[in-house]
Amino acid sequence: MASDAPRRPYDASRRQEAARRNRAAVLAACRELLFAEGYRAATVRAVAERAGVSPETVYKSFGGKTGLVKALWDTTLAGDDEPVAMAERPQLRAVWEARDPAVKLRRYAGFVRGVHERLAPLFGLLVQAGPEVAEVLALSERERLTGVTAFVGHLADAGVLPPGGDPARLADACWALTGPQLFTQLTAGRGWSADAYQEWLAGLLAAALLGAP
């Protein structure tokens, strides 16, 4: 005989929390293996064993090794795994809210510095991993260009770009100046401090985007 008692609503919070824990454990295991044993050793099976989950869980969450590495890149870039768009994060919101163009560029340079400080070790490892991760790096560069283009568009909307400036060309210049290669070359290669890099970048962005001396 069917019960007349109302059914309790399904509570998915425990399953969601378990999925978050598993995801964090897999990403941590992937990072540990990459830096301890190299890209080739960080197989899906090895990552799963270190994280204490099944390989199927890794495939289901990340779609394989390439997706796993891309997820690790994205969380390292953002500084966490929260589902918050970069444009909505505090450092970039501070850029949008600044009224003085020079302040905007200094804050943006600080944002770029922070990203590269987090990404530099992973970037250095992946560029040596060969063609297997070329698409991950290429996709990341396309996404970076999209973000830089949005920043230049913001400057155009604010009316601070020089008259007659081509936003697409300015975005390309900004994309080139803010790349991870330059950060690595100047800091790891030439011994610059992160503060020196940030000051240099802010000055170059002012010259390239605002026409400032």
N, C-alpha and C. Protein backbone atom coordinates (compact mmCIF):
# COMPACT_ATOMS: atom_id res chain seq x y z
N MET A 1 0.85 -1.19 0.00
CA MET A 1 0.00 0.00 0.00
C MET A 1 0.89 1.24 0.00
N ALA A 2 0.59 2.16 -0.88
CA ALA A 2 1.42 3.36 -1.01
C ALA A 2 1.23 4.25 0.20
N SER A 3 2.32 4.87 0.64
CA SER A 3 2.26 5.79 1.77
C SER A 3 1.77 7.14 1.32
N ASP A 4 0.97 7.78 2.20
CA ASP A 4 0.49 9.13 1.90
C ASP A 4 1.44 10.21 2.39
N ALA A 5 2.54 9.81 3.05
CA ALA A 5 3.47 10.80 3.59
C ALA A 5 4.19 11.51 2.44
N PRO A 6 4.35 12.82 2.55
CA PRO A 6 5.03 13.56 1.48
C PRO A 6 6.49 13.13 1.35
N ARG A 7 6.96 13.08 0.13
CA ARG A 7 8.35 12.71 -0.09
C ARG A 7 9.27 13.88 0.25
N ARG A 8 10.40 13.53 0.84
CA ARG A 8 11.39 14.56 1.13
C ARG A 8 12.08 14.97 -0.17
N PRO A 9 12.35 16.25 -0.35
CA PRO A 9 13.07 16.67 -1.56
C PRO A 9 14.47 16.08 -1.57
N TYR A 10 14.93 15.73 -2.77
CA TYR A 10 16.25 15.13 -2.91
C TYR A 10 17.32 16.15 -2.55
N ASP A 11 18.24 15.78 -1.70
CA ASP A 11 19.33 16.66 -1.27
C ASP A 11 20.60 16.25 -2.00
N ALA A 12 21.01 17.08 -2.97
CA ALA A 12 22.20 16.76 -3.76
C ALA A 12 23.45 17.37 -3.19
N SER A 13 23.36 18.03 -2.04
CA SER A 13 24.51 18.77 -1.53
C SER A 13 25.68 17.84 -1.20
N ARG A 14 25.38 16.66 -0.64
CA ARG A 14 26.46 15.75 -0.29
C ARG A 14 27.19 15.24 -1.54
N ARG A 15 26.42 14.92 -2.56
CA ARG A 15 27.04 14.45 -3.80
C ARG A 15 27.87 15.57 -4.43
N GLN A 16 27.35 16.77 -4.42
CA GLN A 16 28.08 17.90 -4.99
C GLN A 16 29.37 18.18 -4.22
N GLU A 17 29.29 18.08 -2.90
CA GLU A 17 30.48 18.30 -2.08
C GLU A 17 31.52 17.21 -2.33
N ALA A 18 31.07 15.97 -2.47
CA ALA A 18 32.00 14.89 -2.78
C ALA A 18 32.65 15.09 -4.14
N ALA A 19 31.87 15.57 -5.11
CA ALA A 19 32.42 15.84 -6.44
C ALA A 19 33.47 16.95 -6.38
N ARG A 20 33.21 17.98 -5.57
CA ARG A 20 34.18 19.07 -5.41
C ARG A 20 35.47 18.58 -4.76
N ARG A 21 35.32 17.73 -3.74
CA ARG A 21 36.51 17.18 -3.08
C ARG A 21 37.32 16.32 -4.05
N ASN A 22 36.62 15.50 -4.82
CA ASN A 22 37.32 14.64 -5.78
C ASN A 22 38.04 15.49 -6.84
N ARG A 23 37.38 16.52 -7.30
CA ARG A 23 37.98 17.38 -8.32
C ARG A 23 39.24 18.05 -7.77
N ALA A 24 39.14 18.57 -6.56
CA ALA A 24 40.31 19.22 -5.94
C ALA A 24 41.44 18.22 -5.74
N ALA A 25 41.10 17.00 -5.32
CA ALA A 25 42.13 15.98 -5.10
C ALA A 25 42.80 15.60 -6.41
N VAL A 26 42.03 15.48 -7.47
CA VAL A 26 42.59 15.12 -8.78
C VAL A 26 43.51 16.22 -9.29
N LEU A 27 43.09 17.47 -9.17
CA LEU A 27 43.93 18.58 -9.64
C LEU A 27 45.22 18.66 -8.83
N ALA A 28 45.12 18.46 -7.52
CA ALA A 28 46.32 18.47 -6.68
C ALA A 28 47.26 17.33 -7.05
N ALA A 29 46.70 16.15 -7.29
CA ALA A 29 47.51 15.00 -7.67
C ALA A 29 48.19 15.23 -9.02
N CYS A 30 47.46 15.83 -9.94
CA CYS A 30 48.02 16.12 -11.26
C CYS A 30 49.21 17.08 -11.13
N ARG A 31 49.03 18.12 -10.34
CA ARG A 31 50.13 19.08 -10.15
C ARG A 31 51.34 18.39 -9.52
N GLU A 32 51.11 17.60 -8.49
CA GLU A 32 52.21 16.93 -7.80
C GLU A 32 52.99 16.02 -8.75
N LEU A 33 52.26 15.25 -9.55
CA LEU A 33 52.93 14.33 -10.47
C LEU A 33 53.68 15.08 -11.57
N LEU A 34 53.07 16.13 -12.09
CA LEU A 34 53.73 16.90 -13.14
C LEU A 34 55.08 17.42 -12.68
N PHE A 35 55.11 17.98 -11.48
CA PHE A 35 56.34 18.61 -11.01
C PHE A 35 57.33 17.60 -10.42
N ALA A 36 56.82 16.47 -9.95
CA ALA A 36 57.71 15.47 -9.37
C ALA A 36 58.30 14.54 -10.42
N GLU A 37 57.47 14.16 -11.42
CA GLU A 37 57.90 13.12 -12.35
C GLU A 37 57.79 13.50 -13.82
N GLY A 38 57.23 14.68 -14.13
CA GLY A 38 57.15 15.11 -15.51
C GLY A 38 55.82 14.81 -16.16
N TYR A 39 55.64 15.40 -17.34
CA TYR A 39 54.35 15.31 -18.03
C TYR A 39 53.98 13.87 -18.39
N ARG A 40 54.91 13.13 -18.92
CA ARG A 40 54.57 11.78 -19.39
C ARG A 40 54.17 10.86 -18.24
N ALA A 41 54.74 11.09 -17.07
CA ALA A 41 54.41 10.22 -15.93
C ALA A 41 53.03 10.52 -15.35
N ALA A 42 52.52 11.70 -15.65
CA ALA A 42 51.22 12.10 -15.08
C ALA A 42 50.08 11.56 -15.94
N THR A 43 49.97 10.25 -16.01
CA THR A 43 48.88 9.62 -16.75
C THR A 43 47.58 9.72 -15.95
N VAL A 44 46.48 9.49 -16.63
CA VAL A 44 45.20 9.51 -15.94
C VAL A 44 45.17 8.48 -14.82
N ARG A 45 45.69 7.30 -15.10
CA ARG A 45 45.68 6.24 -14.07
C ARG A 45 46.55 6.64 -12.87
N ALA A 46 47.74 7.19 -13.14
CA ALA A 46 48.62 7.59 -12.04
C ALA A 46 48.01 8.71 -11.23
N VAL A 47 47.39 9.65 -11.89
CA VAL A 47 46.73 10.76 -11.18
C VAL A 47 45.58 10.22 -10.33
N ALA A 48 44.79 9.33 -10.91
CA ALA A 48 43.66 8.76 -10.18
C ALA A 48 44.12 8.01 -8.93
N GLU A 49 45.18 7.22 -9.07
CA GLU A 49 45.69 6.48 -7.92
C GLU A 49 46.16 7.42 -6.83
N ARG A 50 46.87 8.47 -7.21
CA ARG A 50 47.35 9.41 -6.20
C ARG A 50 46.20 10.15 -5.54
N ALA A 51 45.16 10.45 -6.30
CA ALA A 51 44.02 11.19 -5.75
C ALA A 51 43.06 10.30 -4.98
N GLY A 52 43.19 8.99 -5.12
CA GLY A 52 42.29 8.07 -4.43
C GLY A 52 40.93 7.95 -5.08
N VAL A 53 40.89 8.11 -6.42
CA VAL A 53 39.64 7.96 -7.15
C VAL A 53 39.88 6.98 -8.30
N SER A 54 38.82 6.64 -9.00
CA SER A 54 38.96 5.74 -10.14
C SER A 54 39.34 6.53 -11.39
N PRO A 55 40.01 5.89 -12.35
CA PRO A 55 40.27 6.57 -13.62
C PRO A 55 38.99 7.06 -14.29
N GLU A 56 37.90 6.30 -14.12
CA GLU A 56 36.63 6.70 -14.72
C GLU A 56 36.17 8.05 -14.16
N THR A 57 36.44 8.29 -12.88
CA THR A 57 36.07 9.57 -12.28
C THR A 57 36.83 10.71 -12.94
N VAL A 58 38.10 10.48 -13.23
CA VAL A 58 38.91 11.51 -13.89
C VAL A 58 38.38 11.76 -15.29
N TYR A 59 38.12 10.69 -16.03
CA TYR A 59 37.60 10.86 -17.39
C TYR A 59 36.25 11.57 -17.38
N LYS A 60 35.41 11.20 -16.43
CA LYS A 60 34.08 11.81 -16.37
C LYS A 60 34.16 13.29 -16.04
N SER A 61 35.09 13.68 -15.18
CA SER A 61 35.20 15.07 -14.75
C SER A 61 35.97 15.95 -15.73
N PHE A 62 36.99 15.35 -16.39
CA PHE A 62 37.90 16.18 -17.19
C PHE A 62 38.03 15.75 -18.65
N GLY A 63 37.48 14.59 -18.99
CA GLY A 63 37.53 14.16 -20.37
C GLY A 63 38.85 13.61 -20.82
N GLY A 64 39.77 13.36 -19.91
CA GLY A 64 41.07 12.82 -20.28
C GLY A 64 42.21 13.72 -19.85
N LYS A 65 43.42 13.35 -20.24
CA LYS A 65 44.60 14.04 -19.76
C LYS A 65 44.67 15.49 -20.24
N THR A 66 44.33 15.73 -21.50
CA THR A 66 44.38 17.10 -22.02
C THR A 66 43.42 18.01 -21.27
N GLY A 67 42.21 17.53 -21.04
CA GLY A 67 41.25 18.32 -20.28
C GLY A 67 41.68 18.54 -18.85
N LEU A 68 42.35 17.55 -18.28
CA LEU A 68 42.84 17.67 -16.91
C LEU A 68 43.92 18.74 -16.82
N VAL A 69 44.85 18.73 -17.77
CA VAL A 69 45.91 19.74 -17.77
C VAL A 69 45.34 21.14 -18.00
N LYS A 70 44.34 21.24 -18.89
CA LYS A 70 43.71 22.55 -19.12
C LYS A 70 43.01 23.04 -17.86
N ALA A 71 42.34 22.15 -17.16
CA ALA A 71 41.68 22.54 -15.91
C ALA A 71 42.70 22.99 -14.88
N LEU A 72 43.84 22.30 -14.81
CA LEU A 72 44.89 22.71 -13.88
C LEU A 72 45.43 24.09 -14.27
N TRP A 73 45.61 24.33 -15.55
CA TRP A 73 46.04 25.65 -16.03
C TRP A 73 45.04 26.73 -15.60
N ASP A 74 43.76 26.47 -15.83
CA ASP A 74 42.73 27.47 -15.55
C ASP A 74 42.63 27.78 -14.05
N THR A 75 42.71 26.76 -13.22
CA THR A 75 42.62 27.01 -11.79
C THR A 75 43.88 27.70 -11.27
N THR A 76 45.02 27.40 -11.86
CA THR A 76 46.25 28.09 -11.47
C THR A 76 46.19 29.55 -11.89
N LEU A 77 45.70 29.80 -13.08
CA LEU A 77 45.55 31.17 -13.58
C LEU A 77 44.65 31.99 -12.66
N ALA A 78 43.51 31.42 -12.29
CA ALA A 78 42.54 32.14 -11.48
C ALA A 78 42.94 32.20 -10.00
N GLY A 79 43.69 31.22 -9.56
CA GLY A 79 44.06 31.16 -8.16
C GLY A 79 43.14 30.28 -7.33
N ASP A 80 42.06 29.80 -7.95
CA ASP A 80 41.13 28.89 -7.27
C ASP A 80 40.27 28.21 -8.33
N ASP A 81 39.37 27.36 -7.88
CA ASP A 81 38.51 26.60 -8.79
C ASP A 81 37.06 27.07 -8.71
N GLU A 82 36.86 28.29 -8.22
CA GLU A 82 35.50 28.81 -8.10
C GLU A 82 34.96 29.19 -9.47
N PRO A 83 33.66 28.97 -9.72
CA PRO A 83 33.07 29.28 -11.03
C PRO A 83 32.76 30.77 -11.18
N VAL A 84 33.81 31.58 -11.11
CA VAL A 84 33.66 33.03 -11.24
C VAL A 84 34.50 33.49 -12.42
N ALA A 85 33.89 34.18 -13.37
CA ALA A 85 34.61 34.66 -14.55
C ALA A 85 35.73 35.60 -14.12
N MET A 86 36.84 35.59 -14.87
CA MET A 86 37.96 36.45 -14.54
C MET A 86 37.55 37.91 -14.48
N ALA A 87 36.69 38.32 -15.39
CA ALA A 87 36.28 39.73 -15.44
C ALA A 87 35.52 40.16 -14.20
N GLU A 88 34.98 39.19 -13.46
CA GLU A 88 34.21 39.51 -12.26
C GLU A 88 35.02 39.39 -10.98
N ARG A 89 36.29 39.05 -11.11
CA ARG A 89 37.12 38.88 -9.92
C ARG A 89 37.62 40.23 -9.41
N PRO A 90 37.94 40.32 -8.10
CA PRO A 90 38.23 41.63 -7.50
C PRO A 90 39.32 42.43 -8.19
N GLN A 91 40.41 41.77 -8.64
CA GLN A 91 41.50 42.53 -9.24
C GLN A 91 41.07 43.21 -10.53
N LEU A 92 40.28 42.52 -11.34
CA LEU A 92 39.83 43.14 -12.58
C LEU A 92 38.69 44.11 -12.34
N ARG A 93 37.86 43.85 -11.36
CA ARG A 93 36.81 44.82 -11.04
C ARG A 93 37.44 46.14 -10.60
N ALA A 94 38.57 46.06 -9.90
CA ALA A 94 39.27 47.28 -9.50
C ALA A 94 39.79 48.03 -10.73
N VAL A 95 40.19 47.28 -11.77
CA VAL A 95 40.62 47.92 -13.02
C VAL A 95 39.44 48.65 -13.66
N TRP A 96 38.30 47.97 -13.76
CA TRP A 96 37.13 48.59 -14.42
C TRP A 96 36.68 49.84 -13.67
N GLU A 97 36.80 49.80 -12.36
CA GLU A 97 36.25 50.90 -11.55
C GLU A 97 37.15 52.12 -11.47
N ALA A 98 38.44 51.97 -11.78
CA ALA A 98 39.36 53.11 -11.70
C ALA A 98 38.99 54.16 -12.75
N ARG A 99 39.05 55.41 -12.37
CA ARG A 99 38.71 56.48 -13.29
C ARG A 99 39.93 57.01 -14.03
N ASP A 100 41.06 57.06 -13.35
CA ASP A 100 42.30 57.56 -13.95
C ASP A 100 42.89 56.49 -14.86
N PRO A 101 43.14 56.81 -16.16
CA PRO A 101 43.70 55.80 -17.08
C PRO A 101 45.02 55.22 -16.59
N ALA A 102 45.88 56.06 -16.01
CA ALA A 102 47.17 55.55 -15.52
C ALA A 102 46.96 54.55 -14.39
N VAL A 103 45.98 54.81 -13.53
CA VAL A 103 45.67 53.88 -12.44
C VAL A 103 45.14 52.57 -13.02
N LYS A 104 44.30 52.67 -14.03
CA LYS A 104 43.79 51.46 -14.69
C LYS A 104 44.96 50.58 -15.16
N LEU A 105 45.93 51.21 -15.82
CA LEU A 105 47.03 50.43 -16.38
C LEU A 105 47.93 49.86 -15.29
N ARG A 106 48.15 50.61 -14.23
CA ARG A 106 48.95 50.07 -13.13
C ARG A 106 48.25 48.89 -12.48
N ARG A 107 46.95 49.00 -12.31
CA ARG A 107 46.20 47.89 -11.72
C ARG A 107 46.17 46.70 -12.66
N TYR A 108 46.04 46.96 -13.94
CA TYR A 108 46.03 45.86 -14.91
C TYR A 108 47.39 45.17 -14.94
N ALA A 109 48.46 45.96 -14.87
CA ALA A 109 49.80 45.38 -14.82
C ALA A 109 49.96 44.51 -13.57
N GLY A 110 49.38 44.94 -12.46
CA GLY A 110 49.41 44.13 -11.24
C GLY A 110 48.64 42.84 -11.40
N PHE A 111 47.52 42.91 -12.10
CA PHE A 111 46.74 41.69 -12.37
C PHE A 111 47.55 40.72 -13.22
N VAL A 112 48.19 41.23 -14.28
CA VAL A 112 48.99 40.38 -15.17
C VAL A 112 50.15 39.77 -14.39
N ARG A 113 50.80 40.56 -13.58
CA ARG A 113 51.90 40.04 -12.76
C ARG A 113 51.43 38.87 -11.90
N GLY A 114 50.31 39.05 -11.21
CA GLY A 114 49.81 37.99 -10.34
C GLY A 114 49.52 36.71 -11.09
N VAL A 115 48.92 36.84 -12.27
CA VAL A 115 48.64 35.66 -13.09
C VAL A 115 49.93 34.94 -13.44
N HIS A 116 50.93 35.69 -13.89
CA HIS A 116 52.17 35.05 -14.33
C HIS A 116 52.97 34.47 -13.16
N GLU A 117 52.89 35.11 -12.01
CA GLU A 117 53.57 34.54 -10.84
C GLU A 117 52.99 33.17 -10.51
N ARG A 118 51.67 33.04 -10.64
CA ARG A 118 51.04 31.75 -10.36
C ARG A 118 51.35 30.73 -11.46
N LEU A 119 51.36 31.19 -12.72
CA LEU A 119 51.46 30.28 -13.85
C LEU A 119 52.88 29.92 -14.26
N ALA A 120 53.85 30.75 -13.88
CA ALA A 120 55.20 30.59 -14.43
C ALA A 120 55.76 29.18 -14.28
N PRO A 121 55.70 28.55 -13.10
CA PRO A 121 56.25 27.19 -12.99
C PRO A 121 55.55 26.19 -13.91
N LEU A 122 54.22 26.28 -13.98
CA LEU A 122 53.46 25.35 -14.83
C LEU A 122 53.74 25.64 -16.30
N PHE A 123 53.81 26.90 -16.67
CA PHE A 123 54.11 27.27 -18.04
C PHE A 123 55.47 26.72 -18.46
N GLY A 124 56.47 26.89 -17.60
CA GLY A 124 57.79 26.39 -17.91
C GLY A 124 57.82 24.89 -18.10
N LEU A 125 57.02 24.17 -17.32
CA LEU A 125 56.97 22.71 -17.45
C LEU A 125 56.26 22.30 -18.75
N LEU A 126 55.15 22.96 -19.05
CA LEU A 126 54.35 22.54 -20.20
C LEU A 126 55.00 22.87 -21.54
N VAL A 127 55.73 23.98 -21.61
CA VAL A 127 56.36 24.31 -22.90
C VAL A 127 57.44 23.29 -23.27
N GLN A 128 57.90 22.52 -22.30
CA GLN A 128 58.89 21.49 -22.57
C GLN A 128 58.26 20.11 -22.78
N ALA A 129 56.92 20.05 -22.69
CA ALA A 129 56.25 18.75 -22.77
C ALA A 129 56.00 18.28 -24.19
N GLY A 130 56.24 19.15 -25.18
CA GLY A 130 56.11 18.73 -26.57
C GLY A 130 54.72 18.96 -27.13
N PRO A 131 54.47 18.37 -28.30
CA PRO A 131 53.22 18.64 -29.04
C PRO A 131 51.95 18.20 -28.34
N GLU A 132 52.06 17.31 -27.36
CA GLU A 132 50.85 16.83 -26.69
C GLU A 132 50.09 17.95 -25.99
N VAL A 133 50.80 18.96 -25.51
CA VAL A 133 50.13 20.04 -24.79
C VAL A 133 50.10 21.32 -25.62
N ALA A 134 50.49 21.24 -26.88
CA ALA A 134 50.50 22.44 -27.71
C ALA A 134 49.11 23.05 -27.82
N GLU A 135 48.09 22.22 -27.94
CA GLU A 135 46.74 22.75 -28.08
C GLU A 135 46.26 23.40 -26.79
N VAL A 136 46.67 22.87 -25.64
CA VAL A 136 46.31 23.49 -24.36
C VAL A 136 46.88 24.90 -24.29
N LEU A 137 48.16 25.04 -24.66
CA LEU A 137 48.80 26.35 -24.62
C LEU A 137 48.22 27.28 -25.68
N ALA A 138 47.91 26.73 -26.85
CA ALA A 138 47.33 27.56 -27.92
C ALA A 138 45.95 28.05 -27.51
N LEU A 139 45.15 27.18 -26.93
CA LEU A 139 43.82 27.59 -26.47
C LEU A 139 43.92 28.64 -25.38
N SER A 140 44.87 28.46 -24.48
CA SER A 140 45.05 29.44 -23.41
C SER A 140 45.44 30.80 -23.97
N GLU A 141 46.27 30.81 -25.01
CA GLU A 141 46.65 32.07 -25.64
C GLU A 141 45.46 32.72 -26.35
N ARG A 142 44.60 31.93 -26.96
CA ARG A 142 43.40 32.49 -27.59
C ARG A 142 42.48 33.09 -26.53
N GLU A 143 42.37 32.42 -25.41
CA GLU A 143 41.54 32.95 -24.33
C GLU A 143 42.16 34.22 -23.76
N ARG A 144 43.49 34.25 -23.67
CA ARG A 144 44.15 35.46 -23.17
C ARG A 144 43.93 36.63 -24.12
N LEU A 145 43.97 36.37 -25.42
CA LEU A 145 43.71 37.42 -26.39
C LEU A 145 42.28 37.95 -26.25
N THR A 146 41.34 37.06 -25.99
CA THR A 146 39.96 37.49 -25.77
C THR A 146 39.87 38.42 -24.57
N GLY A 147 40.56 38.06 -23.48
CA GLY A 147 40.55 38.91 -22.29
C GLY A 147 41.22 40.25 -22.52
N VAL A 148 42.35 40.25 -23.23
CA VAL A 148 43.06 41.49 -23.53
C VAL A 148 42.21 42.38 -24.43
N THR A 149 41.53 41.77 -25.40
CA THR A 149 40.67 42.54 -26.30
C THR A 149 39.53 43.20 -25.52
N ALA A 150 39.00 42.49 -24.53
CA ALA A 150 37.95 43.08 -23.69
C ALA A 150 38.51 44.26 -22.89
N PHE A 151 39.74 44.15 -22.42
CA PHE A 151 40.37 45.25 -21.68
C PHE A 151 40.55 46.47 -22.57
N VAL A 152 41.05 46.27 -23.79
CA VAL A 152 41.22 47.39 -24.71
C VAL A 152 39.86 47.98 -25.09
N GLY A 153 38.86 47.12 -25.24
CA GLY A 153 37.51 47.62 -25.49
C GLY A 153 37.01 48.47 -24.35
N HIS A 154 37.33 48.07 -23.14
CA HIS A 154 36.95 48.87 -21.96
C HIS A 154 37.62 50.25 -22.01
N LEU A 155 38.90 50.29 -22.40
CA LEU A 155 39.59 51.57 -22.52
C LEU A 155 38.96 52.43 -23.61
N ALA A 156 38.55 51.79 -24.71
CA ALA A 156 37.89 52.54 -25.79
C ALA A 156 36.57 53.10 -25.31
N ASP A 157 35.79 52.30 -24.59
CA ASP A 157 34.50 52.77 -24.06
C ASP A 157 34.68 53.91 -23.08
N ALA A 158 35.82 53.88 -22.34
CA ALA A 158 36.10 54.94 -21.38
C ALA A 158 36.63 56.20 -22.06
N GLY A 159 36.90 56.13 -23.36
CA GLY A 159 37.35 57.29 -24.10
C GLY A 159 38.78 57.69 -23.84
N VAL A 160 39.64 56.72 -23.48
CA VAL A 160 41.02 57.07 -23.13
C VAL A 160 42.03 56.65 -24.19
N LEU A 161 41.59 55.94 -25.23
CA LEU A 161 42.51 55.58 -26.29
C LEU A 161 42.78 56.80 -27.18
N PRO A 162 43.97 56.88 -27.78
CA PRO A 162 44.28 58.03 -28.64
C PRO A 162 43.36 58.06 -29.86
N PRO A 163 43.05 59.24 -30.37
CA PRO A 163 42.18 59.34 -31.56
C PRO A 163 42.78 58.59 -32.75
N GLY A 164 41.94 57.88 -33.44
CA GLY A 164 42.39 57.15 -34.61
C GLY A 164 43.06 55.84 -34.32
N GLY A 165 43.16 55.47 -33.06
CA GLY A 165 43.79 54.20 -32.72
C GLY A 165 42.95 53.02 -33.16
N ASP A 166 43.59 51.99 -33.66
CA ASP A 166 42.90 50.77 -34.09
C ASP A 166 42.81 49.82 -32.90
N PRO A 167 41.62 49.61 -32.34
CA PRO A 167 41.51 48.74 -31.15
C PRO A 167 42.07 47.34 -31.37
N ALA A 168 41.88 46.78 -32.56
CA ALA A 168 42.39 45.43 -32.81
C ALA A 168 43.92 45.41 -32.76
N ARG A 169 44.53 46.42 -33.35
CA ARG A 169 45.99 46.48 -33.35
C ARG A 169 46.51 46.75 -31.94
N LEU A 170 45.82 47.60 -31.20
CA LEU A 170 46.22 47.88 -29.83
C LEU A 170 46.07 46.63 -28.96
N ALA A 171 45.02 45.86 -29.21
CA ALA A 171 44.83 44.60 -28.46
C ALA A 171 45.97 43.64 -28.76
N ASP A 172 46.39 43.57 -30.01
CA ASP A 172 47.51 42.71 -30.37
C ASP A 172 48.78 43.14 -29.63
N ALA A 173 49.01 44.46 -29.57
CA ALA A 173 50.20 44.96 -28.88
C ALA A 173 50.15 44.62 -27.39
N CYS A 174 48.98 44.80 -26.80
CA CYS A 174 48.81 44.49 -25.38
C CYS A 174 48.98 43.00 -25.14
N TRP A 175 48.46 42.19 -26.03
CA TRP A 175 48.59 40.73 -25.91
C TRP A 175 50.06 40.32 -25.95
N ALA A 176 50.83 40.93 -26.86
CA ALA A 176 52.24 40.59 -26.97
C ALA A 176 53.01 41.02 -25.72
N LEU A 177 52.71 42.20 -25.21
CA LEU A 177 53.45 42.73 -24.05
C LEU A 177 53.16 41.97 -22.77
N THR A 178 51.96 41.40 -22.67
CA THR A 178 51.54 40.77 -21.41
C THR A 178 51.69 39.26 -21.43
N GLY A 179 52.41 38.71 -22.40
CA GLY A 179 52.52 37.26 -22.53
C GLY A 179 53.41 36.63 -21.46
N PRO A 180 53.23 35.35 -21.23
CA PRO A 180 54.02 34.65 -20.21
C PRO A 180 55.50 34.54 -20.59
N GLN A 181 55.80 34.53 -21.89
CA GLN A 181 57.20 34.42 -22.30
C GLN A 181 58.01 35.61 -21.80
N LEU A 182 57.49 36.82 -21.97
CA LEU A 182 58.23 38.01 -21.54
C LEU A 182 58.43 38.01 -20.03
N PHE A 183 57.39 37.64 -19.29
CA PHE A 183 57.52 37.59 -17.84
C PHE A 183 58.63 36.62 -17.45
N THR A 184 58.65 35.44 -18.06
CA THR A 184 59.65 34.43 -17.73
C THR A 184 61.05 34.89 -18.13
N GLN A 185 61.16 35.48 -19.30
CA GLN A 185 62.46 35.95 -19.77
C GLN A 185 63.04 37.02 -18.84
N LEU A 186 62.19 37.94 -18.41
CA LEU A 186 62.70 39.05 -17.60
C LEU A 186 62.94 38.66 -16.15
N THR A 187 62.10 37.81 -15.60
CA THR A 187 62.26 37.44 -14.19
C THR A 187 63.24 36.27 -14.04
N ALA A 188 62.89 35.11 -14.60
CA ALA A 188 63.77 33.95 -14.48
C ALA A 188 65.04 34.12 -15.31
N GLY A 189 64.91 34.71 -16.50
CA GLY A 189 66.05 34.82 -17.39
C GLY A 189 67.01 35.95 -17.04
N ARG A 190 66.46 37.12 -16.68
CA ARG A 190 67.29 38.29 -16.44
C ARG A 190 67.32 38.73 -14.99
N GLY A 191 66.62 38.02 -14.15
CA GLY A 191 66.71 38.30 -12.72
C GLY A 191 65.92 39.49 -12.24
N TRP A 192 64.94 39.96 -13.04
CA TRP A 192 64.10 41.07 -12.59
C TRP A 192 63.21 40.61 -11.43
N SER A 193 62.92 41.53 -10.53
CA SER A 193 61.92 41.25 -9.50
C SER A 193 60.53 41.40 -10.11
N ALA A 194 59.55 40.81 -9.46
CA ALA A 194 58.17 40.96 -9.94
C ALA A 194 57.73 42.42 -9.87
N ASP A 195 58.21 43.16 -8.88
CA ASP A 195 57.88 44.59 -8.79
C ASP A 195 58.44 45.34 -10.00
N ALA A 196 59.69 45.03 -10.38
CA ALA A 196 60.31 45.70 -11.53
C ALA A 196 59.55 45.37 -12.81
N TYR A 197 59.14 44.11 -12.95
CA TYR A 197 58.35 43.71 -14.12
C TYR A 197 57.04 44.49 -14.18
N GLN A 198 56.36 44.58 -13.05
CA GLN A 198 55.07 45.27 -13.03
C GLN A 198 55.22 46.74 -13.40
N GLU A 199 56.24 47.41 -12.87
CA GLU A 199 56.47 48.83 -13.18
C GLU A 199 56.80 49.00 -14.66
N TRP A 200 57.66 48.12 -15.18
CA TRP A 200 58.02 48.18 -16.60
C TRP A 200 56.79 47.97 -17.48
N LEU A 201 55.96 46.99 -17.14
CA LEU A 201 54.79 46.68 -17.94
C LEU A 201 53.79 47.84 -17.92
N ALA A 202 53.57 48.43 -16.75
CA ALA A 202 52.64 49.56 -16.68
C ALA A 202 53.11 50.71 -17.57
N GLY A 203 54.41 50.97 -17.59
CA GLY A 203 54.94 52.04 -18.43
C GLY A 203 54.79 51.73 -19.90
N LEU A 204 55.08 50.49 -20.29
CA LEU A 204 54.95 50.12 -21.69
C LEU A 204 53.50 50.12 -22.16
N LEU A 205 52.60 49.68 -21.29
CA LEU A 205 51.19 49.71 -21.66
C LEU A 205 50.70 51.15 -21.83
N ALA A 206 51.18 52.05 -20.98
CA ALA A 206 50.80 53.46 -21.12
C ALA A 206 51.29 54.01 -22.46
N ALA A 207 52.52 53.66 -22.83
CA ALA A 207 53.06 54.14 -24.11
C ALA A 207 52.32 53.52 -25.28
N ALA A 208 52.02 52.23 -25.20
CA ALA A 208 51.40 51.53 -26.34
C ALA A 208 49.93 51.86 -26.50
N LEU A 209 49.22 51.99 -25.37
CA LEU A 209 47.76 52.14 -25.44
C LEU A 209 47.29 53.59 -25.32
N LEU A 210 48.01 54.39 -24.55
CA LEU A 210 47.56 55.76 -24.32
C LEU A 210 48.41 56.79 -25.06
N GLY A 211 49.54 56.34 -25.60
CA GLY A 211 50.45 57.28 -26.23
C GLY A 211 51.21 58.11 -25.23
N ALA A 212 51.25 57.65 -23.97
CA ALA A 212 51.95 58.41 -22.93
C ALA A 212 53.45 58.20 -23.06
N PRO A 213 54.27 59.20 -22.74
CA PRO A 213 55.73 59.05 -22.83
C PRO A 213 56.23 58.12 -21.73
